[in-house]
Amino acid sequence: MRDLDHNAVAFLKSRGVSGYIFWDQLAIAVLLEPSTVKEAAEVYANVELHGNLTRGQMVIDWQNYLKKPANIRLVTRLNHQDCKDMMIQSIKML
């Protein structure tokens, strides 16, 4: 698990993201407060179950290569301050 976290953090840093991203908490923030979403894309995505390189990975058809209708709304930008504030408020309520 440590290696996965290390690799994830290294990848994010290479993209200019500092710190660690709490993916599950961000998903809940979007669910509870949709206004946290700054940008989203309607795309077709599926989970690759039989591939050699991507087994179990969500594959997104960004270019509409498969010509299938969008089946997810993928959040691409969030108001991180709002999400952070929500997380801090929830911790204070403990």
Foldseek 3Di string as FASTA:
>chain_A
DVVVQVVVQVVCVVVVDHDDDDVVLVVVCCVVPVVQFPDKDQWAWDADCDDPPRHRHIDTPPPCPVVDGGDDIGGDDGNVVSSVVVVVVVVVVD
